[in-house]
N, C-alpha and C. Protein backbone atom coordinates (compact mmCIF):
# COMPACT_ATOMS: atom_id res chain seq x y z
N MET A 1 107.07 59.36 117.88
CA MET A 1 107.55 60.18 116.93
C MET A 1 107.28 61.49 117.34
N LEU A 2 108.50 62.36 117.20
CA LEU A 2 108.42 63.73 117.59
C LEU A 2 108.81 64.43 116.17
N GLY A 3 108.05 65.63 115.76
CA GLY A 3 108.25 66.48 114.68
C GLY A 3 108.26 67.61 115.03
N CYS A 4 108.88 68.74 114.35
CA CYS A 4 109.12 70.10 114.56
C CYS A 4 109.39 70.81 113.03
N ILE A 5 109.01 72.11 112.99
CA ILE A 5 109.38 73.09 112.27
C ILE A 5 110.32 74.05 112.60
N TRP A 6 111.50 74.06 111.94
CA TRP A 6 112.48 75.18 112.28
C TRP A 6 112.53 76.30 111.39
N ARG A 7 112.17 77.24 112.06
CA ARG A 7 111.99 78.58 111.36
C ARG A 7 112.85 79.75 111.69
N GLU A 8 113.43 80.21 110.71
CA GLU A 8 114.25 81.56 110.59
C GLU A 8 113.53 82.77 110.86
N ARG A 9 113.70 83.51 111.85
CA ARG A 9 112.88 84.96 112.06
C ARG A 9 113.08 85.78 111.18
N ALA A 10 111.96 86.18 110.70
CA ALA A 10 112.15 87.27 109.58
C ALA A 10 113.03 88.35 109.70
N GLU A 11 113.27 88.76 110.88
CA GLU A 11 114.21 89.97 111.17
C GLU A 11 115.52 89.69 110.93
N ALA A 12 115.77 88.37 110.81
CA ALA A 12 117.20 87.86 110.30
C ALA A 12 117.63 88.15 109.12
N VAL A 13 116.79 88.29 108.15
CA VAL A 13 116.79 88.91 106.56
C VAL A 13 116.61 90.41 106.50
N LEU A 14 116.24 90.99 107.49
CA LEU A 14 115.68 92.44 106.95
C LEU A 14 116.74 93.42 107.68
N SER A 15 116.80 94.86 107.15
CA SER A 15 117.61 95.64 107.51
C SER A 15 116.95 96.38 108.84
N ASP A 16 117.62 97.31 109.48
CA ASP A 16 117.12 98.04 110.65
C ASP A 16 116.17 98.91 110.41
N ASN A 17 115.87 99.22 109.21
CA ASN A 17 114.61 100.15 108.85
C ASN A 17 113.56 99.32 108.23
N GLN A 18 113.49 97.94 108.45
CA GLN A 18 112.23 97.22 107.87
C GLN A 18 111.84 96.41 108.95
N ARG A 19 110.47 96.31 108.59
CA ARG A 19 110.00 95.55 109.89
C ARG A 19 109.01 94.30 109.06
N PRO A 20 108.66 93.15 109.64
CA PRO A 20 107.78 92.28 108.89
C PRO A 20 106.46 92.29 109.40
N LEU A 21 105.29 92.03 108.56
CA LEU A 21 103.92 92.00 108.99
C LEU A 21 103.37 90.78 108.47
N SER A 22 102.82 89.99 109.08
CA SER A 22 101.92 88.79 108.27
C SER A 22 100.91 89.57 107.54
N MET A 23 100.56 88.83 106.33
CA MET A 23 99.64 89.40 105.59
C MET A 23 98.17 89.32 106.23
N ALA A 24 98.04 88.27 107.13
CA ALA A 24 96.81 88.01 108.08
C ALA A 24 96.52 89.16 108.85
N THR A 25 97.60 90.06 109.24
CA THR A 25 97.19 91.13 110.17
C THR A 25 96.51 92.00 109.65
N LEU A 26 96.72 92.30 108.09
CA LEU A 26 96.10 93.38 107.45
C LEU A 26 94.36 93.40 107.58
N MET A 27 94.06 92.25 107.88
CA MET A 27 92.52 91.88 108.00
C MET A 27 91.84 92.03 109.44
N GLN A 28 92.81 92.40 110.25
CA GLN A 28 92.44 92.80 111.77
C GLN A 28 92.03 94.11 112.19
N ASP A 29 91.28 94.20 113.19
CA ASP A 29 91.12 95.68 113.71
C ASP A 29 91.38 95.62 115.15
N ASP A 30 91.41 96.76 115.79
CA ASP A 30 91.37 96.97 117.19
C ASP A 30 90.33 96.69 118.16
N GLY A 31 89.22 96.07 117.50
CA GLY A 31 87.83 95.86 118.31
C GLY A 31 86.83 97.14 118.32
N GLN A 32 87.45 98.27 117.89
CA GLN A 32 86.52 99.46 117.65
C GLN A 32 86.30 99.89 116.32
N GLY A 33 86.58 99.07 115.36
CA GLY A 33 86.31 99.44 114.11
C GLY A 33 87.83 100.11 113.21
N ASN A 34 88.74 100.21 114.12
CA ASN A 34 89.84 100.89 113.46
C ASN A 34 90.79 99.75 112.70
N ALA A 35 90.90 99.51 111.40
CA ALA A 35 91.47 98.37 110.69
C ALA A 35 93.17 98.86 110.69
N CYS A 36 93.81 97.68 110.78
CA CYS A 36 95.30 97.56 110.85
C CYS A 36 95.72 98.36 109.41
N ILE A 37 95.08 97.95 108.41
CA ILE A 37 95.39 98.40 107.15
C ILE A 37 95.28 99.83 107.01
N ASN A 38 94.30 100.36 107.50
CA ASN A 38 94.04 101.85 107.38
C ASN A 38 94.92 102.63 108.31
N GLU A 39 95.33 102.21 109.35
CA GLU A 39 96.05 102.73 110.23
C GLU A 39 97.44 102.97 109.65
N LEU A 40 97.99 101.78 108.66
CA LEU A 40 99.20 101.71 108.28
C LEU A 40 99.28 102.68 107.10
N ILE A 41 98.15 102.70 106.33
CA ILE A 41 98.19 103.70 105.23
C ILE A 41 98.33 105.15 105.78
N ALA A 42 97.67 105.47 106.75
CA ALA A 42 97.34 106.90 107.43
C ALA A 42 98.84 107.20 107.88
N SER A 43 99.49 106.35 108.33
CA SER A 43 100.81 106.63 108.84
C SER A 43 102.05 106.65 107.93
N SER A 44 101.65 106.14 106.58
CA SER A 44 102.81 105.90 105.59
C SER A 44 102.98 107.37 104.80
N GLY A 45 101.91 108.15 104.69
CA GLY A 45 102.19 109.31 104.09
C GLY A 45 101.86 109.14 102.45
N LEU A 46 101.11 107.82 102.31
CA LEU A 46 100.82 107.70 100.87
C LEU A 46 99.37 107.52 100.89
N SER A 47 98.85 107.77 99.66
CA SER A 47 97.38 107.77 99.50
C SER A 47 96.92 106.16 99.58
N HIS A 48 95.63 105.95 99.72
CA HIS A 48 95.26 104.40 99.63
C HIS A 48 95.74 103.83 98.33
N GLU A 49 95.48 104.52 97.21
CA GLU A 49 95.69 104.02 95.85
C GLU A 49 97.18 103.59 95.87
N GLN A 50 98.02 104.54 96.40
CA GLN A 50 99.40 104.33 96.25
C GLN A 50 100.03 103.04 97.06
N TRP A 51 99.52 103.25 98.27
CA TRP A 51 99.80 102.20 99.19
C TRP A 51 99.36 100.73 98.81
N LEU A 52 98.18 100.77 98.21
CA LEU A 52 97.64 99.22 97.70
C LEU A 52 98.61 98.89 96.72
N ARG A 53 98.85 99.67 95.65
CA ARG A 53 99.32 99.33 94.56
C ARG A 53 100.96 99.04 94.78
N ALA A 54 101.54 99.58 95.98
CA ALA A 54 102.98 99.11 96.28
C ALA A 54 102.76 97.72 97.04
N MET A 55 101.51 97.43 97.71
CA MET A 55 101.49 96.11 98.27
C MET A 55 101.28 95.18 97.06
N PHE A 56 100.46 95.42 96.16
CA PHE A 56 100.36 94.39 94.92
C PHE A 56 101.56 94.05 94.22
N ARG A 57 102.30 95.15 94.02
CA ARG A 57 103.55 95.21 93.24
C ARG A 57 104.70 94.06 94.19
N HIS A 58 104.61 94.32 95.19
CA HIS A 58 105.56 93.41 96.22
C HIS A 58 105.06 92.23 96.75
N VAL A 59 103.83 91.84 96.40
CA VAL A 59 103.30 90.64 96.95
C VAL A 59 102.94 89.70 95.98
N VAL A 60 101.67 90.13 95.06
CA VAL A 60 101.15 89.30 94.22
C VAL A 60 101.90 89.50 93.12
N ILE A 61 102.47 90.32 92.42
CA ILE A 61 103.25 90.33 91.31
C ILE A 61 104.46 89.42 91.38
N PRO A 62 105.30 89.57 92.48
CA PRO A 62 106.47 88.46 92.71
C PRO A 62 105.81 86.77 92.67
N ILE A 63 104.74 86.49 93.29
CA ILE A 63 104.30 85.23 93.33
C ILE A 63 103.93 84.89 91.98
N TYR A 64 103.08 85.94 91.23
CA TYR A 64 102.85 85.50 89.85
C TYR A 64 103.94 85.29 89.02
N HIS A 65 104.89 86.08 89.04
CA HIS A 65 106.04 85.98 88.28
C HIS A 65 106.82 84.59 88.45
N LEU A 66 106.88 84.23 89.92
CA LEU A 66 107.43 82.73 90.04
C LEU A 66 106.66 81.64 89.44
N MET A 67 105.36 82.00 89.39
CA MET A 67 104.76 81.00 88.57
C MET A 67 105.02 81.12 86.96
N CYS A 68 104.75 82.01 86.50
CA CYS A 68 105.06 82.38 85.04
C CYS A 68 106.48 82.12 84.50
N ARG A 69 107.36 82.52 84.97
CA ARG A 69 108.81 82.23 84.68
C ARG A 69 109.39 81.05 85.09
N TYR A 70 109.00 80.53 86.06
CA TYR A 70 109.52 79.26 86.78
C TYR A 70 108.75 78.17 86.57
N GLY A 71 107.32 78.41 86.80
CA GLY A 71 106.25 77.19 86.61
C GLY A 71 106.16 76.72 87.93
N VAL A 72 106.30 77.53 89.26
CA VAL A 72 106.30 77.07 90.52
C VAL A 72 105.11 77.83 91.23
N GLY A 73 104.30 77.05 91.74
CA GLY A 73 102.83 77.88 92.35
C GLY A 73 103.02 77.49 93.72
N LEU A 74 102.47 78.56 94.53
CA LEU A 74 102.39 78.58 95.93
C LEU A 74 101.00 78.97 96.35
N VAL A 75 100.55 78.47 97.31
CA VAL A 75 99.34 78.59 97.75
C VAL A 75 99.57 79.67 99.20
N ALA A 76 99.44 81.02 98.71
CA ALA A 76 100.19 82.05 99.60
C ALA A 76 98.98 82.71 100.32
N HIS A 77 98.64 81.87 101.51
CA HIS A 77 97.57 82.45 102.53
C HIS A 77 98.15 83.45 103.36
N GLY A 78 97.34 83.99 104.33
CA GLY A 78 97.76 85.05 105.07
C GLY A 78 98.75 84.66 106.12
N GLN A 79 99.11 83.34 106.53
CA GLN A 79 100.17 83.02 107.41
C GLN A 79 101.41 82.96 106.87
N ASN A 80 101.63 82.33 105.80
CA ASN A 80 102.90 82.03 105.20
C ASN A 80 103.66 83.10 104.21
N VAL A 81 102.82 84.12 104.05
CA VAL A 81 103.39 85.50 103.53
C VAL A 81 103.40 86.67 104.24
N THR A 82 104.73 87.01 104.46
CA THR A 82 104.95 88.20 105.34
C THR A 82 104.99 89.42 104.48
N LEU A 83 104.62 90.53 104.83
CA LEU A 83 104.83 91.87 103.96
C LEU A 83 105.85 92.51 104.76
N VAL A 84 106.80 93.04 103.86
CA VAL A 84 108.10 93.80 104.27
C VAL A 84 107.57 95.29 104.40
N LEU A 85 107.68 96.10 105.71
CA LEU A 85 107.49 97.57 105.58
C LEU A 85 108.40 98.27 105.70
N GLU A 86 108.74 99.50 105.15
CA GLU A 86 109.87 100.39 105.40
C GLU A 86 108.92 101.88 105.83
N ASN A 87 108.94 102.62 107.00
CA ASN A 87 107.98 103.46 107.11
C ASN A 87 106.57 103.21 106.91
N ASN A 88 106.27 101.91 107.19
CA ASN A 88 104.81 101.26 107.04
C ASN A 88 104.51 101.42 105.36
N ILE A 89 105.52 101.49 104.66
CA ILE A 89 105.14 101.32 103.12
C ILE A 89 105.55 100.12 102.68
N PRO A 90 104.94 99.16 101.95
CA PRO A 90 105.22 97.83 101.40
C PRO A 90 106.54 98.20 100.61
N THR A 91 107.38 97.35 100.72
CA THR A 91 108.58 97.12 100.01
C THR A 91 109.10 95.84 99.67
N GLY A 92 108.54 94.76 100.23
CA GLY A 92 108.74 93.39 99.75
C GLY A 92 107.97 92.29 100.31
N CYS A 93 108.38 91.36 100.31
CA CYS A 93 107.62 90.03 100.93
C CYS A 93 108.44 88.81 101.22
N ILE A 94 108.30 88.16 102.19
CA ILE A 94 108.85 86.91 102.59
C ILE A 94 107.79 85.85 102.59
N ILE A 95 108.35 84.80 101.85
CA ILE A 95 107.48 83.74 101.90
C ILE A 95 108.07 82.57 102.55
N LYS A 96 107.39 81.71 103.46
CA LYS A 96 107.90 80.80 104.29
C LYS A 96 106.77 79.25 104.16
N ASP A 97 107.19 78.29 104.75
CA ASP A 97 106.43 77.33 105.45
C ASP A 97 105.36 76.48 104.20
N PHE A 98 106.00 76.37 102.79
CA PHE A 98 105.31 75.95 101.90
C PHE A 98 105.61 74.44 101.52
N HIS A 99 105.35 73.60 102.63
CA HIS A 99 105.46 72.30 102.41
C HIS A 99 104.58 71.67 101.47
N GLY A 100 103.22 71.34 101.77
CA GLY A 100 102.52 70.67 100.80
C GLY A 100 101.80 71.67 99.84
N ASP A 101 102.06 72.98 99.94
CA ASP A 101 101.53 74.08 99.20
C ASP A 101 102.46 74.65 98.11
N LEU A 102 103.41 73.68 97.72
CA LEU A 102 104.16 74.03 96.74
C LEU A 102 104.17 73.02 95.67
N ARG A 103 103.75 73.51 94.27
CA ARG A 103 103.48 72.56 93.25
C ARG A 103 104.36 73.35 92.12
N LEU A 104 104.57 72.20 90.87
CA LEU A 104 105.11 72.66 89.87
C LEU A 104 104.09 72.30 88.57
N VAL A 105 104.43 73.41 87.31
CA VAL A 105 103.88 72.91 86.27
C VAL A 105 103.98 71.58 85.63
N ASP A 106 103.13 71.02 84.97
CA ASP A 106 103.39 69.67 84.41
C ASP A 106 103.96 69.75 82.90
N GLN A 107 104.61 70.83 82.76
CA GLN A 107 105.42 70.91 81.37
C GLN A 107 106.67 71.12 81.70
N PRO A 108 107.68 70.73 80.51
CA PRO A 108 109.13 70.90 80.50
C PRO A 108 109.43 72.16 80.40
N TYR A 109 109.24 73.38 81.53
CA TYR A 109 109.92 74.43 81.52
C TYR A 109 111.47 74.48 81.52
N PRO A 110 112.05 74.74 80.97
CA PRO A 110 113.62 74.95 80.75
C PRO A 110 114.03 75.43 82.08
N GLU A 111 113.34 76.59 82.78
CA GLU A 111 113.73 76.97 83.97
C GLU A 111 113.76 75.93 85.30
N LEU A 112 112.94 75.01 84.98
CA LEU A 112 113.18 74.02 85.99
C LEU A 112 114.01 72.92 85.99
N GLU A 113 114.89 72.72 84.80
CA GLU A 113 115.92 71.69 84.64
C GLU A 113 116.93 71.95 85.95
N SER A 114 117.18 72.87 86.27
CA SER A 114 118.59 73.16 87.21
C SER A 114 117.86 72.69 88.82
N LEU A 115 116.48 72.44 88.74
CA LEU A 115 116.03 71.69 90.11
C LEU A 115 116.43 70.57 90.41
N ASN A 116 116.91 70.04 91.50
CA ASN A 116 117.32 68.62 91.83
C ASN A 116 116.17 67.83 91.48
N GLN A 117 116.55 66.52 90.80
CA GLN A 117 115.52 65.85 89.99
C GLN A 117 114.85 65.07 91.55
N SER A 118 115.35 64.80 92.64
CA SER A 118 114.65 64.19 93.68
C SER A 118 113.63 65.13 94.33
N ILE A 119 113.90 66.61 94.08
CA ILE A 119 112.88 67.40 94.67
C ILE A 119 111.78 67.55 93.62
N GLN A 120 112.21 67.66 92.27
CA GLN A 120 111.07 67.37 91.11
C GLN A 120 110.33 66.29 91.29
N ASP A 121 110.77 65.29 91.80
CA ASP A 121 109.85 63.87 91.81
C ASP A 121 109.03 63.64 93.04
N ASN A 122 109.46 64.56 94.13
CA ASN A 122 108.46 64.46 95.01
C ASN A 122 107.45 65.89 95.18
N LEU A 123 107.41 66.43 94.18
CA LEU A 123 106.31 67.71 94.08
C LEU A 123 105.32 67.34 93.20
N THR A 124 104.07 67.75 93.45
CA THR A 124 103.10 67.51 92.51
C THR A 124 103.16 68.39 91.36
N ARG A 125 102.90 67.88 90.15
CA ARG A 125 102.89 68.41 88.82
C ARG A 125 101.44 68.69 88.38
N LEU A 126 101.06 70.02 88.07
CA LEU A 126 99.66 70.44 87.66
C LEU A 126 99.76 71.09 86.56
N PRO A 127 98.68 71.07 85.79
CA PRO A 127 98.59 71.79 84.39
C PRO A 127 98.40 73.57 84.94
N PRO A 128 98.90 74.19 84.09
CA PRO A 128 98.72 75.73 84.30
C PRO A 128 97.39 76.10 84.82
N HIS A 129 96.25 75.70 84.19
CA HIS A 129 94.92 76.24 84.62
C HIS A 129 94.48 75.82 85.96
N TYR A 130 95.14 74.72 86.42
CA TYR A 130 95.11 74.44 87.75
C TYR A 130 96.08 75.35 88.62
N LEU A 131 97.22 75.35 88.22
CA LEU A 131 98.21 76.02 89.29
C LEU A 131 97.94 77.41 89.42
N VAL A 132 97.12 78.28 88.50
CA VAL A 132 96.97 79.51 88.65
C VAL A 132 95.96 79.71 89.80
N HIS A 133 95.26 78.52 90.07
CA HIS A 133 94.24 78.70 91.33
C HIS A 133 94.78 78.61 92.52
N ASP A 134 96.19 78.27 92.61
CA ASP A 134 96.98 78.54 93.76
C ASP A 134 97.13 79.95 94.31
N LEU A 135 97.06 80.97 93.15
CA LEU A 135 97.15 82.30 93.59
C LEU A 135 95.78 82.64 93.60
N LEU A 136 94.75 82.41 92.64
CA LEU A 136 93.33 82.76 92.78
C LEU A 136 92.70 82.43 93.95
N THR A 137 92.77 81.05 94.28
CA THR A 137 92.13 80.68 95.73
C THR A 137 92.91 80.80 97.01
N GLY A 138 94.17 80.73 96.95
CA GLY A 138 95.09 80.61 97.88
C GLY A 138 95.55 82.09 98.51
N HIS A 139 95.28 83.22 97.60
CA HIS A 139 95.55 84.46 97.95
C HIS A 139 94.41 85.41 97.71
N PHE A 140 93.99 85.33 96.67
CA PHE A 140 92.74 86.28 96.48
C PHE A 140 91.78 86.11 97.39
N VAL A 141 91.34 84.69 97.42
CA VAL A 141 89.94 84.48 98.23
C VAL A 141 90.27 84.50 99.59
N THR A 142 91.36 83.91 100.07
CA THR A 142 91.70 83.57 101.41
C THR A 142 92.42 84.88 102.16
N VAL A 143 92.81 85.89 101.50
CA VAL A 143 93.41 87.08 102.07
C VAL A 143 92.75 88.25 101.56
N LEU A 144 92.89 88.52 100.28
CA LEU A 144 92.66 89.77 99.60
C LEU A 144 90.98 90.10 99.79
N ARG A 145 90.19 89.05 99.86
CA ARG A 145 88.73 89.24 99.96
C ARG A 145 88.44 89.66 101.46
N PHE A 146 89.27 89.30 102.29
CA PHE A 146 89.02 89.82 103.69
C PHE A 146 89.56 91.22 104.09
N VAL A 147 90.53 91.64 103.16
CA VAL A 147 91.15 92.86 103.33
C VAL A 147 90.38 93.86 102.87
N SER A 148 89.82 93.73 101.62
CA SER A 148 88.96 94.78 100.80
C SER A 148 88.14 95.59 101.74
N PRO A 149 87.02 94.71 102.30
CA PRO A 149 85.94 95.36 103.09
C PRO A 149 86.56 96.47 103.93
N TRP A 150 87.56 96.35 104.69
CA TRP A 150 88.18 97.45 105.80
C TRP A 150 88.24 98.81 104.80
N LEU A 151 88.48 98.72 103.45
CA LEU A 151 88.73 100.17 102.89
C LEU A 151 87.72 100.88 102.37
N GLU A 152 86.57 100.11 102.42
CA GLU A 152 85.23 100.66 101.84
C GLU A 152 85.01 102.11 102.38
N SER A 153 85.14 102.26 103.89
CA SER A 153 84.84 103.20 104.56
C SER A 153 85.88 104.58 104.22
N GLU A 154 86.98 104.08 103.51
CA GLU A 154 87.85 105.04 103.03
C GLU A 154 87.58 105.43 101.71
N GLY A 155 86.76 104.78 101.13
CA GLY A 155 86.26 105.49 99.60
C GLY A 155 86.82 104.50 98.64
N ILE A 156 87.24 103.07 99.12
CA ILE A 156 87.83 102.22 98.08
C ILE A 156 86.92 101.26 98.01
N SER A 157 86.30 101.21 96.94
CA SER A 157 85.16 99.92 96.70
C SER A 157 85.80 98.60 96.49
N GLU A 158 85.25 97.60 96.66
CA GLU A 158 85.60 96.57 96.29
C GLU A 158 86.39 96.39 94.88
N ALA A 159 85.55 96.87 94.00
CA ALA A 159 85.80 96.77 92.52
C ALA A 159 86.93 97.63 92.17
N LEU A 160 87.17 98.80 92.92
CA LEU A 160 88.37 99.65 92.63
C LEU A 160 89.58 98.99 93.35
N PHE A 161 89.31 98.26 94.44
CA PHE A 161 90.37 97.63 95.01
C PHE A 161 91.02 96.57 93.97
N TYR A 162 90.22 95.82 93.34
CA TYR A 162 90.67 94.71 92.38
C TYR A 162 91.05 95.54 91.25
N GLY A 163 90.58 96.64 90.56
CA GLY A 163 90.97 97.23 89.62
C GLY A 163 92.44 97.83 89.73
N TYR A 164 92.88 98.37 91.03
CA TYR A 164 94.37 98.47 91.10
C TYR A 164 95.13 97.23 90.86
N LEU A 165 94.67 96.20 91.65
CA LEU A 165 95.55 94.97 91.47
C LEU A 165 95.65 94.57 89.94
N ALA A 166 94.45 94.56 89.06
CA ALA A 166 94.34 94.08 87.61
C ALA A 166 95.26 95.13 86.90
N ASP A 167 95.33 96.14 87.45
CA ASP A 167 96.04 97.39 86.57
C ASP A 167 97.85 97.02 86.63
N GLU A 168 98.00 96.57 87.85
CA GLU A 168 99.38 96.28 88.37
C GLU A 168 99.74 94.89 87.36
N ILE A 169 98.92 94.04 87.27
CA ILE A 169 99.11 92.81 86.46
C ILE A 169 99.31 93.21 85.12
N LYS A 170 98.63 94.07 84.48
CA LYS A 170 98.80 94.32 83.35
C LYS A 170 100.03 95.19 82.99
N THR A 171 100.47 95.99 83.82
CA THR A 171 101.82 96.71 83.91
C THR A 171 102.91 95.74 83.87
N TYR A 172 102.80 94.88 84.86
CA TYR A 172 104.06 93.55 84.88
C TYR A 172 104.11 92.96 83.77
N GLN A 173 102.75 92.66 82.98
CA GLN A 173 102.84 91.82 81.82
C GLN A 173 103.25 92.55 80.62
N THR A 174 103.13 93.66 80.50
CA THR A 174 103.92 94.71 79.43
C THR A 174 105.20 94.76 79.49
N SER A 175 105.70 94.76 80.76
CA SER A 175 106.96 94.92 80.92
C SER A 175 107.81 93.61 80.73
N HIS A 176 107.23 92.48 80.48
CA HIS A 176 107.52 91.26 80.41
C HIS A 176 107.07 90.35 79.21
N SER A 177 107.26 91.19 78.00
CA SER A 177 106.64 90.86 77.01
C SER A 177 107.05 89.25 76.50
N GLU A 178 108.39 89.01 76.97
CA GLU A 178 108.89 87.72 76.63
C GLU A 178 108.35 86.51 77.18
N LEU A 179 107.42 86.79 78.22
CA LEU A 179 106.35 85.77 78.81
C LEU A 179 104.95 85.65 78.31
N GLU A 180 104.90 86.28 77.14
CA GLU A 180 103.44 86.38 76.76
C GLU A 180 102.81 85.20 76.60
N ASP A 181 103.38 83.95 76.07
CA ASP A 181 102.62 82.87 76.01
C ASP A 181 102.55 82.24 77.36
N ARG A 182 103.37 82.43 78.50
CA ARG A 182 103.27 81.72 79.90
C ARG A 182 102.02 82.87 80.44
N PHE A 183 101.76 84.02 80.15
CA PHE A 183 100.60 84.76 80.57
C PHE A 183 99.11 84.05 80.00
N LYS A 184 99.30 83.62 78.63
CA LYS A 184 98.10 82.86 78.34
C LYS A 184 97.93 81.71 78.92
N GLN A 185 99.00 81.14 79.36
CA GLN A 185 98.85 79.75 79.98
C GLN A 185 98.37 80.04 81.55
N PHE A 186 98.80 80.90 82.35
CA PHE A 186 98.40 81.30 83.56
C PHE A 186 97.67 82.68 83.74
N ASN A 187 96.46 82.36 82.93
CA ASN A 187 95.55 83.73 82.58
C ASN A 187 94.82 84.22 83.99
N LEU A 188 95.19 85.28 84.42
CA LEU A 188 94.41 85.94 85.55
C LEU A 188 93.36 86.86 85.09
N LEU A 189 93.38 87.29 83.94
CA LEU A 189 92.20 88.15 83.27
C LEU A 189 91.25 87.62 82.54
N SER A 190 91.00 86.31 82.56
CA SER A 190 89.88 85.64 81.76
C SER A 190 88.52 86.26 82.07
N GLU A 191 87.59 86.14 81.44
CA GLU A 191 86.44 86.62 81.74
C GLU A 191 85.65 86.24 82.73
N SER A 192 85.76 84.79 83.13
CA SER A 192 85.29 84.11 84.52
C SER A 192 86.32 83.46 84.84
N ILE A 193 86.09 82.87 86.18
CA ILE A 193 87.02 82.05 86.89
C ILE A 193 86.15 80.81 87.48
N ASP A 194 87.06 79.67 87.55
CA ASP A 194 86.16 78.48 88.32
C ASP A 194 86.06 78.79 89.76
N LYS A 195 84.87 78.42 90.29
CA LYS A 195 84.73 78.55 91.65
C LYS A 195 85.38 77.26 92.34
N ILE A 196 86.28 77.33 93.36
CA ILE A 196 86.69 75.93 93.73
C ILE A 196 86.31 75.84 95.20
N CYS A 197 85.57 74.73 95.29
CA CYS A 197 84.61 74.40 96.52
C CYS A 197 85.44 73.35 97.53
N LEU A 198 86.37 74.12 98.13
CA LEU A 198 86.82 73.41 99.32
C LEU A 198 86.06 72.78 100.26
N ASN A 199 85.28 73.55 101.08
CA ASN A 199 84.42 73.02 102.17
C ASN A 199 83.75 71.90 101.36
N ARG A 200 82.90 71.88 100.39
CA ARG A 200 82.06 70.86 99.92
C ARG A 200 82.97 69.84 100.06
N VAL A 201 84.27 69.51 99.59
CA VAL A 201 84.87 68.25 99.75
C VAL A 201 84.92 67.66 101.21
N ARG A 202 85.27 68.64 102.19
CA ARG A 202 85.61 68.19 103.48
C ARG A 202 84.06 67.69 104.26
N PHE A 203 83.14 68.32 103.81
CA PHE A 203 81.73 68.02 104.13
C PHE A 203 81.33 66.51 103.85
N LYS A 204 82.00 66.16 102.55
CA LYS A 204 81.72 64.64 102.07
C LYS A 204 82.80 63.63 102.78
N ILE A 205 83.90 64.06 102.90
CA ILE A 205 85.15 63.03 103.40
C ILE A 205 85.56 63.18 104.85
N GLY A 206 85.03 64.46 105.34
CA GLY A 206 85.36 64.70 106.75
C GLY A 206 86.76 65.22 106.94
N TYR A 207 87.14 65.28 107.99
CA TYR A 207 88.64 65.95 108.46
C TYR A 207 89.63 64.96 109.02
N GLY A 208 89.31 63.86 108.95
CA GLY A 208 89.86 62.50 109.40
C GLY A 208 91.43 62.44 108.68
N ASP A 209 92.52 62.13 109.26
CA ASP A 209 93.69 61.86 108.40
C ASP A 209 93.54 61.07 107.20
N SER A 210 94.32 61.41 106.24
CA SER A 210 94.27 60.74 104.95
C SER A 210 95.86 60.73 104.43
N SER A 211 96.00 59.47 103.75
CA SER A 211 97.20 59.55 102.86
C SER A 211 97.77 60.21 101.64
N GLU A 212 96.25 60.74 101.13
CA GLU A 212 96.12 61.48 100.10
C GLU A 212 95.62 62.85 100.15
N ARG A 213 96.13 63.95 99.53
CA ARG A 213 95.40 65.26 99.48
C ARG A 213 94.35 65.05 98.80
N PRO A 214 93.14 65.61 99.38
CA PRO A 214 91.71 65.71 98.91
C PRO A 214 91.83 66.53 97.68
N LEU A 215 91.26 66.16 96.62
CA LEU A 215 90.91 67.06 95.52
C LEU A 215 89.74 67.97 95.36
N PRO A 216 89.75 69.25 95.32
CA PRO A 216 88.58 70.09 95.37
C PRO A 216 87.55 69.81 94.33
N GLU A 217 86.52 70.10 94.43
CA GLU A 217 85.38 70.10 93.64
C GLU A 217 85.10 71.65 92.85
N LEU A 218 84.72 71.63 91.85
CA LEU A 218 84.55 73.05 90.94
C LEU A 218 83.01 73.49 91.08
N GLY A 219 82.72 74.51 91.16
CA GLY A 219 81.17 74.98 91.50
C GLY A 219 81.02 75.77 89.91
N LYS A 220 80.03 76.60 90.05
CA LYS A 220 79.64 77.46 88.76
C LYS A 220 80.72 78.60 88.40
N PRO A 221 81.19 78.61 87.40
CA PRO A 221 82.09 79.73 87.26
C PRO A 221 81.72 81.09 87.59
N ILE A 222 82.33 81.84 88.07
CA ILE A 222 82.07 83.33 88.43
C ILE A 222 82.71 84.52 87.89
N PRO A 223 81.97 85.60 87.53
CA PRO A 223 82.68 86.85 86.85
C PRO A 223 84.29 86.96 87.46
N ASN A 224 85.11 87.35 86.85
CA ASN A 224 86.36 87.70 87.21
C ASN A 224 86.35 88.89 87.95
N PRO A 225 86.65 89.15 89.09
CA PRO A 225 86.70 90.34 89.57
C PRO A 225 87.88 91.44 89.40
N LEU A 226 88.93 90.89 88.70
CA LEU A 226 89.74 91.72 88.29
C LEU A 226 89.33 92.49 87.04
N LEU A 227 88.41 91.80 86.15
CA LEU A 227 87.95 92.60 84.85
C LEU A 227 86.76 93.38 85.49
N ILE A 228 86.20 93.18 86.50
CA ILE A 228 85.24 94.14 87.15
C ILE A 228 85.90 95.11 87.67
N GLY A 229 86.93 94.99 88.18
CA GLY A 229 87.77 96.22 88.82
C GLY A 229 88.46 97.08 87.83
N LEU A 230 88.85 96.54 86.63
CA LEU A 230 89.30 97.32 85.44
C LEU A 230 88.13 98.42 84.95
N THR A 231 86.82 97.75 84.76
CA THR A 231 85.72 98.59 84.41
C THR A 231 85.61 99.86 85.18
N ALA A 232 85.63 99.33 86.60
CA ALA A 232 85.39 100.35 87.72
C ALA A 232 86.56 101.71 87.58
N LEU A 233 87.76 100.86 87.44
CA LEU A 233 88.68 101.95 87.27
C LEU A 233 88.68 102.73 86.05
N ASP A 234 88.10 102.45 85.11
CA ASP A 234 87.88 103.27 83.60
C ASP A 234 87.07 104.19 83.97
N LYS A 235 86.10 104.06 84.83
CA LYS A 235 84.89 104.66 85.16
C LYS A 235 85.01 105.87 86.02
N ARG A 236 86.18 105.78 86.84
CA ARG A 236 86.54 106.81 87.83
C ARG A 236 86.38 108.33 87.43
């Protein structure tokens, strides 16, 4: 049996003044402590706050909108989300390779009616409070958690980092009041969030092949860093 993944190059859908950058690259440095993200910001002409807010608007907000408007959840880790830059300023994102990491809400959203039934039948359906963790765990934990420490030397604390993100989420929600009920279903600004313990499951079942996707275990709820961030933002 021979298998392959056919990928279209990101450059094929970008203009000449745009360039792609894997989100995973943002957490890398040159081996001498000079982080990629800080070098990009320095060359962009924007402040750290302006650059980060632009990144959140063009990456997190579209993924969250896809969830709230259409009921589609993506596990957006650092390899399958590509940041689009113009003059080293975030202006968009490209998503790719969402084979087993694309799920639908388990409710009859009208927006999903136009989706081919065979596709719907082959995708996992999950309740909103599970689906929202595709963003929390898949992107906040596996990407943003490793990006934010590089910014502390530039005066951007972890709390402030998440404060900028939370503020952009609130701005988005305010501008889409028609989705108010959906925002309650996919609540990113709750007091606490469930801790998803992925490694604990693997320690129990191992890493061998399986015909079924392993289900994660829940740990003790943790304070929501977005709310902590809003508090830090208010105290600036």
